[in-house]
N, C-alpha and C. Protein backbone atom coordinates (compact mmCIF):
# COMPACT_ATOMS: atom_id res chain seq x y z
N MET A 1 16.66 -3.25 -17.81
CA MET A 1 16.79 -4.65 -17.44
C MET A 1 15.41 -5.26 -17.27
N ARG A 2 15.34 -6.60 -17.39
CA ARG A 2 14.03 -7.26 -17.41
C ARG A 2 14.07 -8.49 -16.52
N TYR A 3 13.04 -8.64 -15.72
CA TYR A 3 12.88 -9.79 -14.85
C TYR A 3 11.63 -10.53 -15.29
N ALA A 4 11.71 -11.86 -15.37
CA ALA A 4 10.53 -12.63 -15.82
C ALA A 4 10.45 -13.94 -15.06
N THR A 5 9.23 -14.39 -14.82
CA THR A 5 9.02 -15.69 -14.20
C THR A 5 7.66 -16.21 -14.62
N GLY A 6 7.40 -17.49 -14.38
CA GLY A 6 6.12 -18.08 -14.77
C GLY A 6 5.58 -18.99 -13.69
N LEU A 7 4.27 -19.21 -13.71
CA LEU A 7 3.64 -20.07 -12.73
C LEU A 7 2.42 -20.71 -13.33
N LEU A 8 2.20 -21.96 -12.96
CA LEU A 8 1.01 -22.69 -13.40
C LEU A 8 -0.02 -22.60 -12.28
N LEU A 9 -1.14 -22.29 -12.78
CA LEU A 9 -2.24 -22.30 -11.79
C LEU A 9 -3.01 -23.60 -11.81
N GLY A 10 -2.22 -13.09 0.86
CA GLY A 10 -1.74 -12.47 -0.12
C GLY A 10 -1.29 -11.51 -0.28
N LEU A 11 -1.29 -7.53 1.32
CA LEU A 11 -1.57 -7.68 -0.08
C LEU A 11 -2.52 -6.55 -0.43
N ALA A 12 -2.44 -6.15 -1.63
CA ALA A 12 -3.19 -4.95 -1.99
C ALA A 12 -4.58 -5.30 -2.48
N THR A 13 -5.54 -4.48 -2.15
CA THR A 13 -6.91 -4.68 -2.59
C THR A 13 -7.39 -3.46 -3.36
N LEU A 14 -8.04 -3.69 -4.49
CA LEU A 14 -8.58 -2.60 -5.30
C LEU A 14 -10.09 -2.72 -5.33
N ALA A 15 -10.77 -1.61 -5.36
CA ALA A 15 -12.24 -1.62 -5.35
C ALA A 15 -12.78 -1.86 -6.75
N LEU A 16 -13.70 -2.81 -6.87
CA LEU A 16 -14.42 -3.03 -8.12
C LEU A 16 -15.73 -2.26 -8.03
N LEU A 17 -15.83 -1.19 -8.77
CA LEU A 17 -17.00 -0.33 -8.70
C LEU A 17 -18.21 -1.00 -9.33
N PRO A 18 -19.42 -0.72 -8.84
CA PRO A 18 -20.62 -1.27 -9.45
C PRO A 18 -20.69 -0.92 -10.93
N GLY A 19 -20.96 -1.91 -11.75
CA GLY A 19 -21.06 -1.68 -13.19
C GLY A 19 -19.73 -1.62 -13.90
N ALA A 20 -18.62 -1.91 -13.19
CA ALA A 20 -17.30 -1.87 -13.81
C ALA A 20 -17.21 -2.93 -14.90
N GLU A 21 -16.48 -2.60 -15.96
CA GLU A 21 -16.31 -3.55 -17.06
C GLU A 21 -15.34 -4.65 -16.64
N VAL A 22 -15.67 -5.88 -16.97
CA VAL A 22 -14.83 -7.03 -16.66
C VAL A 22 -14.40 -7.69 -17.96
N VAL A 23 -13.10 -7.90 -18.14
CA VAL A 23 -12.58 -8.61 -19.31
C VAL A 23 -12.26 -10.03 -18.87
N ARG A 24 -12.69 -11.02 -19.66
CA ARG A 24 -12.63 -12.41 -19.21
C ARG A 24 -11.85 -13.31 -20.16
N LEU A 25 -11.22 -14.32 -19.55
CA LEU A 25 -10.70 -15.49 -20.24
C LEU A 25 -11.55 -16.66 -19.76
N ALA A 26 -12.02 -17.49 -20.68
CA ALA A 26 -12.89 -18.58 -20.25
C ALA A 26 -12.80 -19.75 -21.21
N ASN A 27 -12.96 -20.95 -20.64
CA ASN A 27 -13.18 -22.16 -21.43
C ASN A 27 -14.24 -22.98 -20.70
N ALA A 28 -14.36 -24.25 -21.02
CA ALA A 28 -15.41 -25.07 -20.42
C ALA A 28 -15.17 -25.34 -18.94
N ARG A 29 -13.92 -25.17 -18.47
CA ARG A 29 -13.58 -25.54 -17.11
C ARG A 29 -13.31 -24.36 -16.18
N LEU A 30 -12.87 -23.23 -16.75
CA LEU A 30 -12.37 -22.15 -15.91
C LEU A 30 -12.76 -20.79 -16.49
N GLN A 31 -13.09 -19.85 -15.62
CA GLN A 31 -13.37 -18.47 -16.03
C GLN A 31 -12.57 -17.52 -15.14
N ILE A 32 -11.78 -16.65 -15.78
CA ILE A 32 -10.96 -15.68 -15.07
C ILE A 32 -11.38 -14.29 -15.51
N GLY A 33 -11.68 -13.41 -14.58
CA GLY A 33 -12.12 -12.06 -14.91
C GLY A 33 -11.22 -11.01 -14.28
N PHE A 34 -10.95 -9.94 -15.04
CA PHE A 34 -10.12 -8.83 -14.57
C PHE A 34 -10.89 -7.52 -14.73
N ASP A 35 -10.70 -6.61 -13.79
CA ASP A 35 -11.25 -5.27 -13.92
C ASP A 35 -10.56 -4.59 -15.10
N ALA A 36 -11.34 -4.17 -16.09
CA ALA A 36 -10.78 -3.60 -17.31
C ALA A 36 -10.09 -2.26 -17.06
N ALA A 37 -10.38 -1.61 -15.94
CA ALA A 37 -9.78 -0.31 -15.65
C ALA A 37 -8.50 -0.40 -14.84
N THR A 38 -8.35 -1.47 -14.03
CA THR A 38 -7.20 -1.57 -13.13
C THR A 38 -6.40 -2.85 -13.28
N GLY A 39 -6.97 -3.88 -13.92
CA GLY A 39 -6.31 -5.17 -14.03
C GLY A 39 -6.46 -6.04 -12.81
N ALA A 40 -7.25 -5.61 -11.83
CA ALA A 40 -7.44 -6.41 -10.62
C ALA A 40 -8.16 -7.71 -10.94
N LEU A 41 -7.77 -8.78 -10.27
CA LEU A 41 -8.44 -10.06 -10.42
C LEU A 41 -9.77 -10.02 -9.68
N CYS A 42 -10.88 -10.22 -10.39
CA CYS A 42 -12.19 -10.14 -9.74
C CYS A 42 -13.03 -11.39 -9.93
N GLU A 43 -12.60 -12.33 -10.78
CA GLU A 43 -13.30 -13.61 -10.95
C GLU A 43 -12.27 -14.72 -11.12
N LEU A 44 -12.51 -15.83 -10.45
CA LEU A 44 -11.71 -17.04 -10.63
C LEU A 44 -12.66 -18.21 -10.37
N VAL A 45 -13.37 -18.61 -11.42
CA VAL A 45 -14.52 -19.49 -11.28
C VAL A 45 -14.22 -20.89 -11.81
N ASP A 46 -14.44 -21.89 -10.95
CA ASP A 46 -14.45 -23.28 -11.39
C ASP A 46 -15.82 -23.54 -12.00
N ARG A 47 -15.87 -23.68 -13.32
CA ARG A 47 -17.16 -23.73 -14.00
C ARG A 47 -17.89 -25.05 -13.78
N SER A 48 -17.18 -26.10 -13.39
CA SER A 48 -17.85 -27.37 -13.11
C SER A 48 -18.74 -27.28 -11.88
N SER A 49 -18.26 -26.57 -10.86
CA SER A 49 -19.02 -26.44 -9.61
C SER A 49 -19.72 -25.09 -9.48
N GLY A 50 -19.25 -24.09 -10.24
CA GLY A 50 -19.78 -22.74 -10.12
C GLY A 50 -19.14 -21.94 -9.00
N HIS A 51 -18.16 -22.52 -8.31
CA HIS A 51 -17.53 -21.81 -7.18
C HIS A 51 -16.58 -20.74 -7.69
N ASP A 52 -16.73 -19.52 -7.18
CA ASP A 52 -15.85 -18.40 -7.50
C ASP A 52 -14.89 -18.21 -6.34
N PHE A 53 -13.61 -18.46 -6.59
CA PHE A 53 -12.61 -18.31 -5.53
C PHE A 53 -12.33 -16.85 -5.19
N ALA A 54 -12.59 -15.95 -6.12
CA ALA A 54 -12.29 -14.53 -5.90
C ALA A 54 -13.38 -13.88 -5.06
N THR A 55 -12.98 -12.96 -4.20
CA THR A 55 -13.92 -12.16 -3.42
C THR A 55 -13.53 -10.70 -3.59
N GLY A 56 -14.29 -9.97 -4.37
CA GLY A 56 -13.93 -8.59 -4.65
C GLY A 56 -12.86 -8.50 -5.71
N ALA A 57 -12.23 -7.35 -5.82
CA ALA A 57 -11.18 -7.11 -6.80
C ALA A 57 -9.84 -7.05 -6.08
N ARG A 58 -8.90 -7.89 -6.52
CA ARG A 58 -7.63 -8.02 -5.82
C ARG A 58 -6.46 -7.74 -6.75
N ALA A 59 -5.43 -7.10 -6.21
CA ALA A 59 -4.22 -6.83 -6.98
C ALA A 59 -3.52 -8.15 -7.30
N LEU A 60 -2.97 -8.26 -8.51
CA LEU A 60 -2.33 -9.49 -8.96
C LEU A 60 -0.89 -9.63 -8.48
N TRP A 61 -0.24 -8.55 -8.13
CA TRP A 61 1.18 -8.62 -7.82
C TRP A 61 1.59 -7.49 -6.88
N SER A 62 2.75 -7.65 -6.28
CA SER A 62 3.41 -6.56 -5.56
C SER A 62 4.91 -6.82 -5.62
N VAL A 63 5.70 -5.75 -5.59
CA VAL A 63 7.16 -5.88 -5.63
C VAL A 63 7.78 -4.95 -4.61
N ASP A 64 8.95 -5.32 -4.12
CA ASP A 64 9.77 -4.43 -3.31
C ASP A 64 10.85 -3.88 -4.23
N TYR A 65 10.77 -2.58 -4.51
CA TYR A 65 11.65 -1.95 -5.50
C TYR A 65 12.55 -0.93 -4.83
N ALA A 66 13.84 -0.96 -5.19
CA ALA A 66 14.80 0.01 -4.69
C ALA A 66 15.38 0.77 -5.87
N GLY A 67 15.23 2.09 -5.85
CA GLY A 67 15.74 2.93 -6.93
C GLY A 67 16.33 4.21 -6.39
N ALA A 68 16.42 5.21 -7.27
CA ALA A 68 17.02 6.49 -6.88
C ALA A 68 16.26 7.15 -5.74
N GLY A 69 14.97 6.89 -5.64
CA GLY A 69 14.15 7.51 -4.60
C GLY A 69 14.09 6.71 -3.32
N GLY A 70 14.90 5.64 -3.21
CA GLY A 70 14.88 4.80 -2.02
C GLY A 70 14.17 3.48 -2.27
N SER A 71 13.91 2.74 -1.20
CA SER A 71 13.26 1.44 -1.29
C SER A 71 11.79 1.56 -0.93
N HIS A 72 10.93 1.01 -1.80
CA HIS A 72 9.49 1.15 -1.60
C HIS A 72 8.76 -0.10 -2.07
N PRO A 73 7.63 -0.44 -1.43
CA PRO A 73 6.75 -1.46 -1.99
C PRO A 73 5.93 -0.85 -3.13
N LEU A 74 5.73 -1.61 -4.18
CA LEU A 74 4.93 -1.16 -5.32
C LEU A 74 3.85 -2.17 -5.61
N ASP A 75 2.66 -1.68 -6.00
CA ASP A 75 1.58 -2.54 -6.44
C ASP A 75 0.82 -1.81 -7.55
N PRO A 76 -0.16 -2.45 -8.18
CA PRO A 76 -0.86 -1.81 -9.30
C PRO A 76 -1.49 -0.46 -8.98
N ALA A 77 -1.82 -0.21 -7.73
CA ALA A 77 -2.45 1.06 -7.37
C ALA A 77 -1.51 2.24 -7.58
N ARG A 78 -0.19 2.00 -7.65
CA ARG A 78 0.77 3.08 -7.86
C ARG A 78 0.97 3.40 -9.34
N ALA A 79 0.38 2.61 -10.24
CA ALA A 79 0.52 2.86 -11.68
C ALA A 79 -0.51 3.89 -12.14
N THR A 80 -0.09 4.79 -13.02
CA THR A 80 -1.02 5.78 -13.57
C THR A 80 -1.59 5.35 -14.92
N ARG A 81 -1.02 4.28 -15.49
CA ARG A 81 -1.52 3.77 -16.77
C ARG A 81 -1.69 2.26 -16.70
N PHE A 82 -2.80 1.79 -17.26
CA PHE A 82 -3.05 0.35 -17.38
C PHE A 82 -3.70 0.08 -18.73
N GLU A 83 -3.26 -1.00 -19.38
CA GLU A 83 -3.87 -1.41 -20.65
C GLU A 83 -3.85 -2.93 -20.74
N TYR A 84 -4.76 -3.46 -21.53
CA TYR A 84 -4.80 -4.91 -21.74
C TYR A 84 -5.01 -5.20 -23.21
N GLN A 85 -4.61 -6.40 -23.62
CA GLN A 85 -4.75 -6.80 -25.02
C GLN A 85 -4.92 -8.31 -25.08
N ARG A 86 -5.88 -8.73 -25.88
CA ARG A 86 -6.05 -10.16 -26.14
C ARG A 86 -5.09 -10.60 -27.24
N SER A 87 -4.59 -11.82 -27.11
CA SER A 87 -3.75 -12.37 -28.15
C SER A 87 -3.84 -13.89 -28.08
N GLY A 88 -3.16 -14.56 -29.00
CA GLY A 88 -3.21 -16.01 -29.01
C GLY A 88 -4.40 -16.53 -29.77
N ASP A 89 -4.34 -17.80 -30.13
CA ASP A 89 -5.41 -18.43 -30.88
C ASP A 89 -6.69 -18.50 -30.04
N GLY A 90 -7.78 -18.07 -30.61
CA GLY A 90 -9.07 -18.14 -29.94
C GLY A 90 -9.23 -17.15 -28.80
N GLY A 91 -8.30 -16.20 -28.68
CA GLY A 91 -8.42 -15.20 -27.62
C GLY A 91 -8.25 -15.75 -26.23
N HIS A 92 -7.51 -16.86 -26.07
CA HIS A 92 -7.32 -17.49 -24.77
C HIS A 92 -6.05 -17.02 -24.07
N GLU A 93 -5.54 -15.86 -24.46
CA GLU A 93 -4.40 -15.25 -23.77
C GLU A 93 -4.68 -13.77 -23.60
N LEU A 94 -4.36 -13.26 -22.42
CA LEU A 94 -4.58 -11.85 -22.13
C LEU A 94 -3.28 -11.25 -21.60
N ARG A 95 -2.91 -10.10 -22.14
CA ARG A 95 -1.71 -9.39 -21.70
C ARG A 95 -2.15 -8.14 -20.95
N LEU A 96 -1.66 -7.97 -19.72
CA LEU A 96 -1.99 -6.85 -18.86
C LEU A 96 -0.71 -6.06 -18.59
N VAL A 97 -0.75 -4.74 -18.76
CA VAL A 97 0.46 -3.93 -18.61
C VAL A 97 0.18 -2.72 -17.71
N TRP A 98 1.04 -2.52 -16.69
CA TRP A 98 0.98 -1.36 -15.80
C TRP A 98 2.25 -0.54 -16.00
N SER A 99 2.12 0.78 -16.07
CA SER A 99 3.28 1.65 -16.25
C SER A 99 2.97 3.02 -15.66
N GLY A 100 3.94 3.95 -15.77
CA GLY A 100 3.74 5.31 -15.25
C GLY A 100 3.59 5.34 -13.75
N PHE A 101 4.50 4.69 -13.03
CA PHE A 101 4.39 4.63 -11.57
C PHE A 101 4.74 5.98 -10.94
N ASN A 102 3.88 6.41 -10.03
CA ASN A 102 4.04 7.73 -9.42
C ASN A 102 4.94 7.66 -8.19
N LEU A 103 6.18 7.24 -8.44
CA LEU A 103 7.16 7.12 -7.37
C LEU A 103 8.52 7.54 -7.91
N PRO A 104 9.23 8.45 -7.24
CA PRO A 104 10.54 8.89 -7.72
C PRO A 104 11.49 7.71 -7.93
N GLY A 105 12.10 7.66 -9.11
CA GLY A 105 13.02 6.59 -9.43
C GLY A 105 12.36 5.38 -10.05
N ALA A 106 11.03 5.32 -10.05
CA ALA A 106 10.32 4.16 -10.60
C ALA A 106 9.43 4.55 -11.77
N GLU A 107 9.58 5.76 -12.28
CA GLU A 107 8.70 6.23 -13.36
C GLU A 107 8.80 5.36 -14.61
N ALA A 108 10.00 4.80 -14.87
CA ALA A 108 10.21 4.00 -16.08
C ALA A 108 9.90 2.52 -15.88
N LEU A 109 9.49 2.15 -14.68
CA LEU A 109 9.16 0.75 -14.41
C LEU A 109 7.94 0.32 -15.23
N ARG A 110 7.97 -0.90 -15.71
CA ARG A 110 6.85 -1.44 -16.50
C ARG A 110 6.63 -2.90 -16.09
N VAL A 111 5.40 -3.23 -15.75
CA VAL A 111 5.06 -4.59 -15.33
C VAL A 111 4.07 -5.18 -16.31
N GLU A 112 4.40 -6.35 -16.83
CA GLU A 112 3.53 -7.03 -17.79
C GLU A 112 3.19 -8.43 -17.28
N VAL A 113 1.91 -8.75 -17.28
CA VAL A 113 1.42 -10.06 -16.88
C VAL A 113 0.70 -10.69 -18.05
N ARG A 114 0.96 -11.97 -18.29
CA ARG A 114 0.23 -12.73 -19.30
C ARG A 114 -0.49 -13.88 -18.62
N ALA A 115 -1.79 -14.01 -18.89
CA ALA A 115 -2.59 -15.12 -18.40
C ALA A 115 -3.07 -15.91 -19.61
N GLN A 116 -2.94 -17.24 -19.55
CA GLN A 116 -3.23 -18.08 -20.71
C GLN A 116 -4.09 -19.28 -20.33
N LEU A 117 -5.01 -19.63 -21.21
CA LEU A 117 -5.75 -20.88 -21.14
C LEU A 117 -5.43 -21.68 -22.40
N THR A 118 -5.47 -23.01 -22.28
CA THR A 118 -5.21 -23.88 -23.42
C THR A 118 -6.40 -24.80 -23.63
N GLY A 119 -7.10 -24.62 -24.76
CA GLY A 119 -8.26 -25.46 -25.04
C GLY A 119 -9.24 -25.42 -23.88
N ASP A 120 -9.73 -26.60 -23.49
CA ASP A 120 -10.64 -26.70 -22.35
C ASP A 120 -9.96 -27.31 -21.13
N ASP A 121 -8.63 -27.20 -21.06
CA ASP A 121 -7.91 -27.68 -19.89
C ASP A 121 -8.27 -26.84 -18.66
N PRO A 122 -8.26 -27.43 -17.47
CA PRO A 122 -8.54 -26.65 -16.26
C PRO A 122 -7.35 -25.82 -15.80
N ASP A 123 -6.19 -26.01 -16.44
CA ASP A 123 -4.99 -25.28 -16.05
C ASP A 123 -4.97 -23.89 -16.66
N SER A 124 -4.41 -22.95 -15.94
CA SER A 124 -4.11 -21.62 -16.48
C SER A 124 -2.63 -21.35 -16.23
N ARG A 125 -2.01 -20.61 -17.14
CA ARG A 125 -0.59 -20.29 -17.01
C ARG A 125 -0.43 -18.78 -16.85
N TRP A 126 0.42 -18.41 -15.89
CA TRP A 126 0.61 -17.01 -15.54
C TRP A 126 2.09 -16.66 -15.62
N HIS A 127 2.39 -15.55 -16.28
CA HIS A 127 3.77 -15.09 -16.42
C HIS A 127 3.84 -13.61 -16.06
N ILE A 128 4.93 -13.22 -15.43
CA ILE A 128 5.16 -11.81 -15.13
C ILE A 128 6.54 -11.41 -15.64
N ALA A 129 6.63 -10.23 -16.23
CA ALA A 129 7.90 -9.67 -16.68
C ALA A 129 7.96 -8.21 -16.23
N ILE A 130 9.08 -7.81 -15.67
CA ILE A 130 9.25 -6.46 -15.14
C ILE A 130 10.45 -5.81 -15.79
N ALA A 131 10.23 -4.70 -16.48
CA ALA A 131 11.31 -3.89 -17.04
C ALA A 131 11.58 -2.74 -16.08
N LYS A 132 12.85 -2.54 -15.73
CA LYS A 132 13.19 -1.54 -14.72
C LYS A 132 14.40 -0.74 -15.16
N PRO A 133 14.61 0.43 -14.56
CA PRO A 133 15.82 1.21 -14.84
C PRO A 133 17.07 0.44 -14.40
N ARG A 134 18.21 0.73 -15.04
CA ARG A 134 19.45 0.03 -14.73
C ARG A 134 19.89 0.24 -13.29
N ASP A 135 19.60 1.40 -12.73
CA ASP A 135 20.04 1.67 -11.37
C ASP A 135 19.03 1.21 -10.32
N GLY A 136 17.97 0.54 -10.75
CA GLY A 136 16.97 0.02 -9.82
C GLY A 136 17.17 -1.46 -9.56
N SER A 137 16.61 -1.95 -8.47
CA SER A 137 16.71 -3.37 -8.15
C SER A 137 15.40 -3.86 -7.54
N LEU A 138 15.14 -5.14 -7.71
CA LEU A 138 13.94 -5.78 -7.17
C LEU A 138 14.36 -6.70 -6.03
N ALA A 139 13.91 -6.41 -4.83
CA ALA A 139 14.25 -7.25 -3.69
C ALA A 139 13.35 -8.47 -3.61
N GLN A 140 12.07 -8.30 -3.98
CA GLN A 140 11.13 -9.41 -3.91
C GLN A 140 9.96 -9.15 -4.86
N VAL A 141 9.50 -10.22 -5.51
CA VAL A 141 8.33 -10.16 -6.39
C VAL A 141 7.31 -11.16 -5.87
N ARG A 142 6.09 -10.72 -5.64
CA ARG A 142 5.02 -11.60 -5.17
C ARG A 142 3.97 -11.70 -6.27
N PHE A 143 3.87 -12.90 -6.85
CA PHE A 143 2.98 -13.08 -8.00
C PHE A 143 2.72 -14.57 -8.21
N PRO A 144 1.49 -14.94 -8.56
CA PRO A 144 0.29 -14.12 -8.49
C PRO A 144 -0.24 -14.05 -7.06
N LEU A 145 -0.76 -12.92 -6.70
CA LEU A 145 -1.39 -12.76 -5.40
C LEU A 145 -2.82 -13.27 -5.48
N LEU A 146 -3.16 -14.22 -4.63
CA LEU A 146 -4.53 -14.74 -4.56
C LEU A 146 -5.01 -14.50 -3.13
N ASP A 147 -5.44 -13.30 -2.89
CA ASP A 147 -5.82 -12.86 -1.55
C ASP A 147 -7.32 -12.96 -1.38
N GLY A 148 -7.75 -13.25 -0.15
CA GLY A 148 -9.18 -13.25 0.15
C GLY A 148 -9.96 -14.33 -0.56
N LEU A 149 -9.41 -15.55 -0.64
CA LEU A 149 -10.10 -16.64 -1.33
C LEU A 149 -11.41 -16.97 -0.62
N ALA A 150 -12.46 -17.18 -1.41
CA ALA A 150 -13.77 -17.48 -0.84
C ALA A 150 -13.72 -18.81 -0.08
N PRO A 151 -14.21 -18.85 1.15
CA PRO A 151 -14.12 -20.07 1.95
C PRO A 151 -15.06 -21.16 1.45
N GLN A 152 -14.66 -22.40 1.72
CA GLN A 152 -15.48 -23.57 1.43
C GLN A 152 -15.47 -24.47 2.67
N PRO A 153 -16.45 -25.35 2.80
CA PRO A 153 -16.40 -26.31 3.90
C PRO A 153 -15.33 -27.37 3.65
N GLU A 154 -14.82 -27.95 4.71
CA GLU A 154 -13.84 -29.05 4.66
C GLU A 154 -12.65 -28.71 3.75
N GLU A 155 -11.96 -27.63 4.08
CA GLU A 155 -10.80 -27.21 3.29
C GLU A 155 -9.53 -27.91 3.76
N PHE A 156 -8.61 -28.10 2.80
CA PHE A 156 -7.31 -28.71 3.09
C PHE A 156 -6.22 -27.94 2.36
N LEU A 157 -5.03 -27.93 2.95
CA LEU A 157 -3.84 -27.37 2.32
C LEU A 157 -2.79 -28.46 2.26
N ALA A 158 -2.34 -28.80 1.04
CA ALA A 158 -1.31 -29.82 0.84
C ALA A 158 -0.04 -29.14 0.34
N VAL A 159 1.07 -29.39 1.04
CA VAL A 159 2.35 -28.76 0.72
C VAL A 159 3.44 -29.82 0.71
N PRO A 160 4.32 -29.85 -0.32
CA PRO A 160 5.40 -30.84 -0.37
C PRO A 160 6.59 -30.44 0.50
N ALA A 161 6.34 -30.22 1.79
CA ALA A 161 7.42 -29.94 2.73
C ALA A 161 8.01 -31.28 3.17
N TRP A 162 9.31 -31.46 2.91
CA TRP A 162 9.97 -32.75 3.07
C TRP A 162 9.19 -33.82 2.29
N THR A 163 8.61 -34.81 2.97
CA THR A 163 7.86 -35.85 2.25
C THR A 163 6.40 -35.49 2.05
N GLY A 164 5.98 -34.33 2.53
CA GLY A 164 4.61 -33.88 2.31
C GLY A 164 3.86 -33.63 3.60
N GLU A 165 3.05 -32.58 3.60
CA GLU A 165 2.22 -32.25 4.76
C GLU A 165 0.81 -31.92 4.28
N LEU A 166 -0.18 -32.40 5.03
CA LEU A 166 -1.58 -32.13 4.73
C LEU A 166 -2.21 -31.50 5.97
N LEU A 167 -2.73 -30.31 5.80
CA LEU A 167 -3.30 -29.56 6.92
C LEU A 167 -4.80 -29.40 6.71
N SER A 168 -5.58 -29.89 7.64
CA SER A 168 -7.03 -29.70 7.58
C SER A 168 -7.39 -28.37 8.25
N ALA A 169 -8.51 -27.79 7.82
CA ALA A 169 -8.96 -26.49 8.34
C ALA A 169 -7.80 -25.50 8.43
N PRO A 170 -7.09 -25.25 7.31
CA PRO A 170 -5.89 -24.40 7.37
C PRO A 170 -6.16 -22.96 7.79
N ARG A 171 -7.33 -22.43 7.49
CA ARG A 171 -7.61 -21.05 7.90
C ARG A 171 -7.56 -20.92 9.42
N ARG A 172 -8.17 -21.89 10.11
CA ARG A 172 -8.18 -21.84 11.57
C ARG A 172 -6.79 -22.11 12.14
N ALA A 173 -6.09 -23.08 11.55
CA ALA A 173 -4.78 -23.46 12.07
C ALA A 173 -3.74 -22.36 11.90
N LEU A 174 -3.85 -21.59 10.81
CA LEU A 174 -2.85 -20.57 10.52
C LEU A 174 -3.26 -19.17 10.95
N SER A 175 -4.46 -19.04 11.50
CA SER A 175 -4.94 -17.72 11.91
C SER A 175 -4.19 -17.23 13.14
N THR A 176 -3.91 -15.94 13.17
CA THR A 176 -3.26 -15.33 14.33
C THR A 176 -4.28 -14.88 15.38
N GLY A 177 -5.55 -15.00 15.03
CA GLY A 177 -6.58 -14.55 15.95
C GLY A 177 -6.87 -13.07 15.85
N SER A 178 -6.20 -12.39 14.92
CA SER A 178 -6.44 -10.97 14.71
C SER A 178 -6.79 -10.75 13.25
N ALA A 179 -7.19 -9.54 12.92
CA ALA A 179 -7.57 -9.22 11.54
C ALA A 179 -6.36 -9.05 10.64
N LYS A 180 -5.17 -8.94 11.22
CA LYS A 180 -3.96 -8.70 10.44
C LYS A 180 -3.54 -9.97 9.70
N ALA A 181 -3.22 -9.83 8.40
CA ALA A 181 -2.82 -10.98 7.61
C ALA A 181 -1.43 -11.45 8.02
N ARG A 182 -1.18 -12.75 7.84
CA ARG A 182 0.13 -13.32 8.17
C ARG A 182 0.66 -14.06 6.95
N ARG A 183 1.93 -13.89 6.67
CA ARG A 183 2.54 -14.53 5.51
C ARG A 183 3.27 -15.79 5.96
N LEU A 184 3.01 -16.91 5.26
CA LEU A 184 3.67 -18.19 5.54
C LEU A 184 4.43 -18.60 4.29
N ALA A 185 5.72 -18.91 4.44
CA ALA A 185 6.54 -19.25 3.28
C ALA A 185 7.46 -20.41 3.64
N TRP A 186 7.89 -21.14 2.61
CA TRP A 186 8.81 -22.25 2.77
C TRP A 186 10.05 -22.01 1.90
N ASP A 187 11.21 -22.38 2.39
CA ASP A 187 12.45 -22.21 1.63
C ASP A 187 12.55 -23.24 0.52
N TYR A 188 12.95 -22.76 -0.68
CA TYR A 188 13.25 -23.66 -1.80
C TYR A 188 14.43 -23.10 -2.58
N PRO A 189 15.51 -23.89 -2.79
CA PRO A 189 15.71 -25.25 -2.27
C PRO A 189 15.83 -25.23 -0.74
N GLY A 190 15.39 -26.31 -0.15
CA GLY A 190 15.39 -26.39 1.30
C GLY A 190 14.30 -27.32 1.77
N ARG A 191 13.48 -26.83 2.70
CA ARG A 191 12.43 -27.67 3.28
C ARG A 191 11.39 -28.07 2.25
N LEU A 192 11.16 -27.20 1.27
CA LEU A 192 10.17 -27.50 0.24
C LEU A 192 10.81 -28.37 -0.84
N SER A 193 10.21 -29.55 -1.09
CA SER A 193 10.76 -30.48 -2.07
C SER A 193 10.44 -30.07 -3.49
N LEU A 194 9.28 -29.48 -3.70
CA LEU A 194 8.83 -29.02 -5.01
C LEU A 194 8.18 -27.66 -4.84
N GLN A 195 8.16 -26.86 -5.90
CA GLN A 195 7.52 -25.55 -5.84
C GLN A 195 6.06 -25.66 -6.25
N CYS A 196 5.25 -26.18 -5.35
CA CYS A 196 3.82 -26.33 -5.63
C CYS A 196 3.05 -26.43 -4.32
N LEU A 197 1.74 -26.25 -4.41
CA LEU A 197 0.85 -26.49 -3.28
C LEU A 197 -0.57 -26.66 -3.81
N ALA A 198 -1.42 -27.24 -2.99
CA ALA A 198 -2.83 -27.41 -3.35
C ALA A 198 -3.69 -26.95 -2.18
N PHE A 199 -4.73 -26.19 -2.49
CA PHE A 199 -5.68 -25.68 -1.49
C PHE A 199 -7.06 -26.02 -2.01
N TYR A 200 -7.80 -26.89 -1.31
CA TYR A 200 -8.99 -27.46 -1.92
C TYR A 200 -10.03 -27.87 -0.88
N ARG A 201 -11.22 -28.11 -1.39
CA ARG A 201 -12.32 -28.66 -0.60
C ARG A 201 -12.35 -30.16 -0.81
N ARG A 202 -12.59 -30.92 0.26
CA ARG A 202 -12.70 -32.37 0.13
C ARG A 202 -13.81 -32.72 -0.88
N HIS A 203 -13.47 -33.51 -1.87
CA HIS A 203 -14.40 -33.93 -2.93
C HIS A 203 -15.00 -32.74 -3.67
N GLY A 204 -14.28 -31.62 -3.70
CA GLY A 204 -14.81 -30.43 -4.36
C GLY A 204 -13.72 -29.67 -5.09
N PRO A 205 -14.02 -28.44 -5.49
CA PRO A 205 -13.06 -27.65 -6.27
C PRO A 205 -11.88 -27.17 -5.41
N GLY A 206 -10.79 -26.87 -6.09
CA GLY A 206 -9.61 -26.38 -5.39
C GLY A 206 -8.65 -25.71 -6.33
N LEU A 207 -7.56 -25.23 -5.77
CA LEU A 207 -6.51 -24.57 -6.54
C LEU A 207 -5.21 -25.35 -6.40
N TYR A 208 -4.55 -25.58 -7.53
CA TYR A 208 -3.21 -26.17 -7.55
C TYR A 208 -2.28 -25.16 -8.18
N LEU A 209 -1.22 -24.79 -7.48
CA LEU A 209 -0.26 -23.82 -7.98
C LEU A 209 1.12 -24.45 -8.03
N ALA A 210 1.82 -24.26 -9.15
CA ALA A 210 3.16 -24.81 -9.32
C ALA A 210 3.99 -23.86 -10.15
N CYS A 211 5.25 -23.69 -9.77
CA CYS A 211 6.17 -22.85 -10.51
C CYS A 211 6.82 -23.66 -11.62
N GLU A 212 6.96 -23.08 -12.80
CA GLU A 212 7.64 -23.75 -13.91
C GLU A 212 9.14 -23.65 -13.68
N ASP A 213 9.68 -24.63 -12.99
CA ASP A 213 11.09 -24.64 -12.60
C ASP A 213 11.86 -25.57 -13.53
N ALA A 214 12.72 -24.99 -14.38
CA ALA A 214 13.47 -25.80 -15.34
C ALA A 214 14.46 -26.74 -14.66
N ALA A 215 14.84 -26.44 -13.43
CA ALA A 215 15.78 -27.29 -12.71
C ALA A 215 15.11 -28.56 -12.21
């Protein structure tokens, strides 16, 4: 069986070793880099300002998988095989594949991510597809994970909750005061009017994320 979703452009962390090879997608507006050995996201650069949102090498996804061996969280670190391939016109699409998971009941699981750029647009498109055994199930898929974003001054978080909410200094407002990460989510359909959000610096670079929702 196959699960797929897409998103327009946190969590597991992978180490980017000194001198590690980085495979990149780039145009005039955006540069995205992945660790060629693990597929970890290690660069997310707004080329107009030079700001790199990525800090270190971060896992792109995680799933809660239930199979013959029980229910377990899975991330790229559990895969024994990783490969990537460029495709599309001008090499502006990259396919990343993880397989060979070292977990009973999940050996046949296969996760494929496609990242795409179009011309010199600042947008990037991200898709994930998961092939799993028939007797397995996915309780939750988290993708793309953008963990440990590099801080900027005067940050804002805009979310379409009901008629819209704008939060200044969101890191301070949402911090628990401890080193432990906290997950914040909104129900859709429900309190969230649209599946999107923006996290940005006043008069500076930022991230806009939106799900491609056919409904």
